[in-house]
Protein backbone atom coordinates (compact mmCIF):
# COMPACT_ATOMS: atom_id res chain seq x y z
CA UNK A 1 36.53 -31.05 20.17
CA UNK A 2 36.62 -27.31 22.00
CA UNK A 3 40.60 -26.15 23.77
CA UNK A 4 38.58 -25.18 27.18
CA UNK A 5 42.65 -24.36 28.44
CA UNK A 6 42.51 -21.61 25.04
CA UNK A 7 41.70 -19.24 28.64
CA UNK A 8 45.35 -18.17 30.73
CA UNK A 9 46.08 -20.60 33.57
CA UNK A 10 47.74 -18.36 37.19
CA UNK A 11 49.74 -21.86 37.23
CA UNK A 12 50.47 -24.81 35.50
CA UNK A 13 51.88 -26.63 38.33
CA UNK A 14 54.43 -29.75 38.36
CA UNK A 15 55.57 -31.57 41.48
CA UNK A 16 55.51 -35.18 42.65
CA UNK A 17 51.73 -34.92 43.43
CA UNK A 18 50.70 -32.55 40.47
CA UNK A 19 52.12 -33.57 37.30
CA UNK A 20 51.87 -34.15 33.47
CA UNK A 21 49.70 -37.51 32.49
CA UNK A 22 52.23 -39.67 30.37
CA UNK A 23 51.18 -41.02 26.43
CA UNK A 24 49.14 -43.67 25.35
CA UNK A 25 47.31 -44.74 22.53
CA UNK A 26 43.93 -43.41 24.75
CA UNK A 27 45.58 -39.76 24.93
CA UNK A 28 48.08 -38.87 22.68
CA UNK A 29 48.76 -35.19 23.83
CA UNK A 30 50.47 -34.62 27.27
CA UNK A 31 48.74 -32.09 29.22
CA UNK A 32 49.53 -30.68 32.63
CA UNK A 33 46.77 -29.23 35.27
CA UNK A 34 46.48 -25.67 34.62
CA UNK A 35 44.99 -24.25 38.15
CA UNK A 36 44.10 -21.20 39.59
CA UNK A 37 46.50 -19.06 42.06
CA UNK A 38 43.97 -19.13 45.21
CA UNK A 39 43.22 -22.89 45.15
CA UNK A 40 44.57 -25.66 47.41
CA UNK A 41 46.20 -28.99 46.84
CA UNK A 42 47.25 -31.05 49.93
CA UNK A 43 51.09 -32.94 49.40
CA UNK A 44 49.30 -35.81 50.39
CA UNK A 45 46.57 -35.17 47.33
CA UNK A 46 47.11 -36.09 43.39
CA UNK A 47 46.40 -33.91 40.46
CA UNK A 48 47.77 -35.61 37.10
CA UNK A 49 47.03 -35.14 33.70
CA UNK A 50 44.54 -32.39 31.92
CA UNK A 51 42.59 -31.39 34.49
CA UNK A 52 41.45 -27.82 35.57
CA UNK A 53 41.50 -26.45 39.16
CA UNK A 54 39.27 -23.23 39.52
CA UNK A 55 39.26 -20.15 41.88
CA UNK A 56 39.91 -21.09 45.78
CA UNK A 57 38.99 -24.91 45.26
CA UNK A 58 40.66 -27.39 48.41
CA UNK A 59 41.57 -30.73 47.20
CA UNK A 60 42.65 -32.53 50.75
CA UNK A 61 44.71 -35.32 51.60
CA UNK A 62 44.29 -38.52 49.98
CA UNK A 63 41.40 -37.12 46.75
CA UNK A 64 42.47 -38.48 43.19
CA UNK A 65 42.11 -35.98 40.51
CA UNK A 66 42.90 -38.04 37.84
CA UNK A 67 42.42 -36.27 33.90
CA UNK A 68 45.67 -39.22 32.23
CA UNK A 69 42.60 -41.77 30.91
CA UNK A 70 38.91 -39.60 30.20
CA UNK A 71 39.50 -36.09 30.62
CA UNK A 72 39.50 -33.22 30.34
CA UNK A 73 38.87 -33.08 33.73
CA UNK A 74 36.96 -29.18 34.62
CA UNK A 75 36.25 -28.60 38.81
CA UNK A 76 35.25 -24.66 39.09
CA UNK A 77 35.25 -21.85 41.24
CA UNK A 78 34.96 -23.18 44.93
CA UNK A 79 34.94 -26.83 45.02
CA UNK A 80 35.96 -28.76 47.45
CA UNK A 81 37.63 -31.52 46.52
CA UNK A 82 37.56 -33.85 50.28
CA UNK A 83 39.03 -36.71 51.99
CA UNK A 84 39.92 -39.90 49.36
CA UNK A 85 37.14 -38.08 46.86
CA UNK A 86 38.24 -39.44 43.56
CA UNK A 87 37.50 -38.30 40.50
CA UNK A 88 38.19 -40.48 37.27
CA UNK A 89 36.54 -40.97 33.75
CA UNK A 90 36.91 -43.85 31.03
CA UNK A 91 39.04 -43.01 28.16
CA UNK A 92 37.58 -40.27 26.11
CA UNK A 93 39.28 -41.20 23.01
CA UNK A 94 40.58 -43.69 20.63
CA UNK A 95 43.42 -43.34 18.35
CA UNK A 96 42.82 -39.70 18.51
CA UNK A 97 38.86 -40.02 17.33
CA UNK A 98 36.65 -38.72 20.83
CA UNK A 99 34.62 -41.39 22.63
CA UNK A 100 30.93 -39.66 22.04
CA UNK A 101 29.94 -42.02 24.53
CA UNK A 102 31.95 -41.32 27.04
CA UNK A 103 31.91 -37.45 27.53
CA UNK A 104 29.14 -35.10 28.80
CA UNK A 105 28.88 -31.81 27.68
CA UNK A 106 28.61 -28.18 28.48
CA UNK A 107 28.45 -24.90 27.01
CA UNK A 108 29.67 -26.89 23.86
CA UNK A 109 32.72 -28.51 25.02
CA UNK A 110 32.80 -32.15 26.24
CA UNK A 111 34.30 -33.74 29.39
CA UNK A 112 34.94 -36.24 31.31
CA UNK A 113 34.20 -34.60 34.30
CA UNK A 114 32.17 -31.76 34.95
CA UNK A 115 32.33 -30.53 38.10
CA UNK A 116 30.31 -26.98 38.51
CA UNK A 117 31.29 -23.94 40.42
CA UNK A 118 29.98 -24.63 44.98
CA UNK A 119 30.30 -28.08 44.81
CA UNK A 120 30.93 -30.13 47.62
CA UNK A 121 32.84 -33.50 47.20
CA UNK A 122 32.52 -34.60 50.81
CA UNK A 123 34.66 -37.85 52.51
CA UNK A 124 35.46 -41.13 49.86
CA UNK A 125 32.71 -39.79 47.22
CA UNK A 126 33.84 -41.16 43.63
CA UNK A 127 32.10 -39.02 40.65
CA UNK A 128 33.92 -41.47 37.31
CA UNK A 129 33.23 -40.58 33.74
CA UNK A 130 31.01 -39.35 32.53
CA UNK A 131 29.22 -37.74 34.57
CA UNK A 132 28.85 -33.91 35.00
CA UNK A 133 27.69 -32.55 38.69
CA UNK A 134 25.57 -28.96 38.63
CA UNK A 135 26.20 -25.07 40.85
CA UNK A 136 25.85 -25.61 44.40
CA UNK A 137 25.05 -29.03 44.18
CA UNK A 138 26.07 -31.24 47.98
CA UNK A 139 27.48 -35.01 46.51
CA UNK A 140 27.50 -37.03 49.83
CA UNK A 141 30.56 -39.54 51.83
CA UNK A 142 30.62 -42.67 50.25
CA UNK A 143 28.44 -42.45 47.07
CA UNK A 144 29.13 -42.58 43.59
CA UNK A 145 28.23 -40.58 40.62
CA UNK A 146 29.04 -42.67 37.47
CA UNK A 147 27.81 -42.65 34.03
CA UNK A 148 25.21 -39.94 35.34
CA UNK A 149 24.84 -36.10 35.48
CA UNK A 150 23.94 -34.37 38.46
CA UNK A 151 21.92 -30.67 38.38
CA UNK A 152 22.03 -26.89 40.44
CA UNK A 153 21.42 -27.48 43.26
CA UNK A 154 21.08 -31.03 44.21
CA UNK A 155 21.87 -33.61 47.94
CA UNK A 156 23.44 -36.69 47.29
CA UNK A 157 23.36 -38.06 50.20
CA UNK A 158 25.86 -40.78 51.81
CA UNK A 159 26.03 -43.90 50.29
CA UNK A 160 24.11 -43.76 47.35
CA UNK A 161 24.63 -44.47 43.95
CA UNK A 162 23.87 -42.77 41.43
CA UNK A 163 24.44 -44.22 37.80
CA UNK A 164 22.57 -44.02 34.35
CA UNK A 165 20.48 -41.91 34.24
CA UNK A 166 19.58 -37.42 34.65
CA UNK A 167 19.11 -35.56 38.30
CA UNK A 168 17.02 -32.38 37.35
CA UNK A 169 17.92 -29.37 39.53
CA UNK A 170 16.61 -29.14 42.88
CA UNK A 171 16.36 -32.91 43.95
CA UNK A 172 17.86 -34.78 47.03
CA UNK A 173 19.36 -38.71 46.99
CA UNK A 174 17.90 -40.53 50.04
CA UNK A 175 21.64 -41.64 51.52
CA UNK A 176 22.10 -45.35 50.16
CA UNK A 177 19.34 -45.27 47.35
CA UNK A 178 20.12 -47.27 44.41
CA UNK A 179 19.09 -44.38 41.89
CA UNK A 180 19.40 -46.91 37.65
CA UNK A 181 16.94 -45.82 35.75
CA UNK A 182 15.03 -42.62 34.72
CA UNK A 183 11.77 -43.12 35.74
CA UNK A 184 13.69 -43.38 39.80
CA UNK A 185 15.67 -40.02 39.06
CA UNK A 186 12.62 -38.89 37.39
CA UNK A 187 10.56 -39.79 40.90
CA UNK A 188 13.24 -38.10 43.76
CA UNK A 189 12.42 -36.15 45.93
CA UNK A 190 12.10 -31.54 45.83
CA UNK A 191 14.17 -30.24 48.28
CA UNK A 192 11.41 -28.33 50.38
CA UNK A 193 12.05 -25.72 52.88
CA UNK A 194 11.07 -28.49 55.35
CA UNK A 195 14.68 -30.31 54.02
CA UNK A 196 16.68 -30.30 57.21
CA UNK A 197 20.33 -30.24 54.58
CA UNK A 198 18.53 -28.02 52.09
CA UNK A 199 21.54 -25.43 53.46
CA UNK A 200 24.23 -27.65 54.19
CA UNK A 201 26.70 -27.46 51.01
CA UNK A 202 26.48 -23.28 51.81
CA UNK A 203 27.85 -24.24 54.94
CA UNK A 204 30.51 -26.25 53.70
CA UNK A 205 31.75 -24.33 50.94
CA UNK A 206 31.85 -21.33 52.89
CA UNK A 207 34.23 -24.04 54.92
CA UNK A 208 36.31 -24.89 52.75
CA UNK A 209 36.80 -22.03 49.82
CA UNK A 210 38.16 -20.62 53.44
CA UNK A 211 40.67 -23.15 53.78
CA UNK A 212 42.20 -23.03 50.57
CA UNK A 213 42.61 -19.59 50.52
CA UNK A 214 44.39 -19.71 54.19
CA UNK A 215 46.59 -23.01 53.77
CA UNK A 216 47.60 -20.73 49.48
CA UNK A 217 48.20 -18.16 52.60
CA UNK A 218 46.95 -15.74 50.62
CA UNK A 219 43.57 -14.68 53.71
CA UNK A 220 40.22 -14.52 53.90
CA UNK A 221 38.09 -16.01 52.09
CA UNK A 222 36.07 -12.62 51.90
CA UNK A 223 39.47 -10.56 51.63
CA UNK A 224 40.03 -12.39 48.07
CA UNK A 225 37.19 -11.88 46.60
CA UNK A 226 37.41 -8.19 47.64
CA UNK A 227 40.56 -7.94 46.00
């Protein structure tokens, strides 16, 4: 398994709500979250274990990013993890050996959960690994993604369930849908100019990156990017 955390980390944080995992048969190494200096974690959120948070990530109250069972959990730049969101994964290792069916592969690295850049994880949604979410995708309120990959520029509308499938780029999942077969995933509608939520993620990312940098006291999103 590649070491995705060989890059320089700006901040390795330890506190009551942000701390290392405990040792277990399925997790024989102790890891602390690696957090970019511009990311913000609310005191009522939890970030535990083998987790990476990128630039301008916003982790809202009551969110849980828990890399103490399945791991690692990667959260890319400009991602918002809203109130009561859960990021977690099934155990990815047994007695030190990786469980292949319990991970997703992205650019040669393996993850329990992989969240790409500029993703919105809206209130009370769950992304439970093995799972990956592509760039510029919106995951709606109270939706669940489990054992699935979601492409770039997608919208998962509220209360949808996506399980055991691969969703192609540029598709949307209607609110309340159950997408549990690849045939259903392949039949999902394309996002067109007529789709009313096509700019939703862009707007949500715009708001939350500024919240992250503002709560960190390091200026606005535009000021940080210009630095």
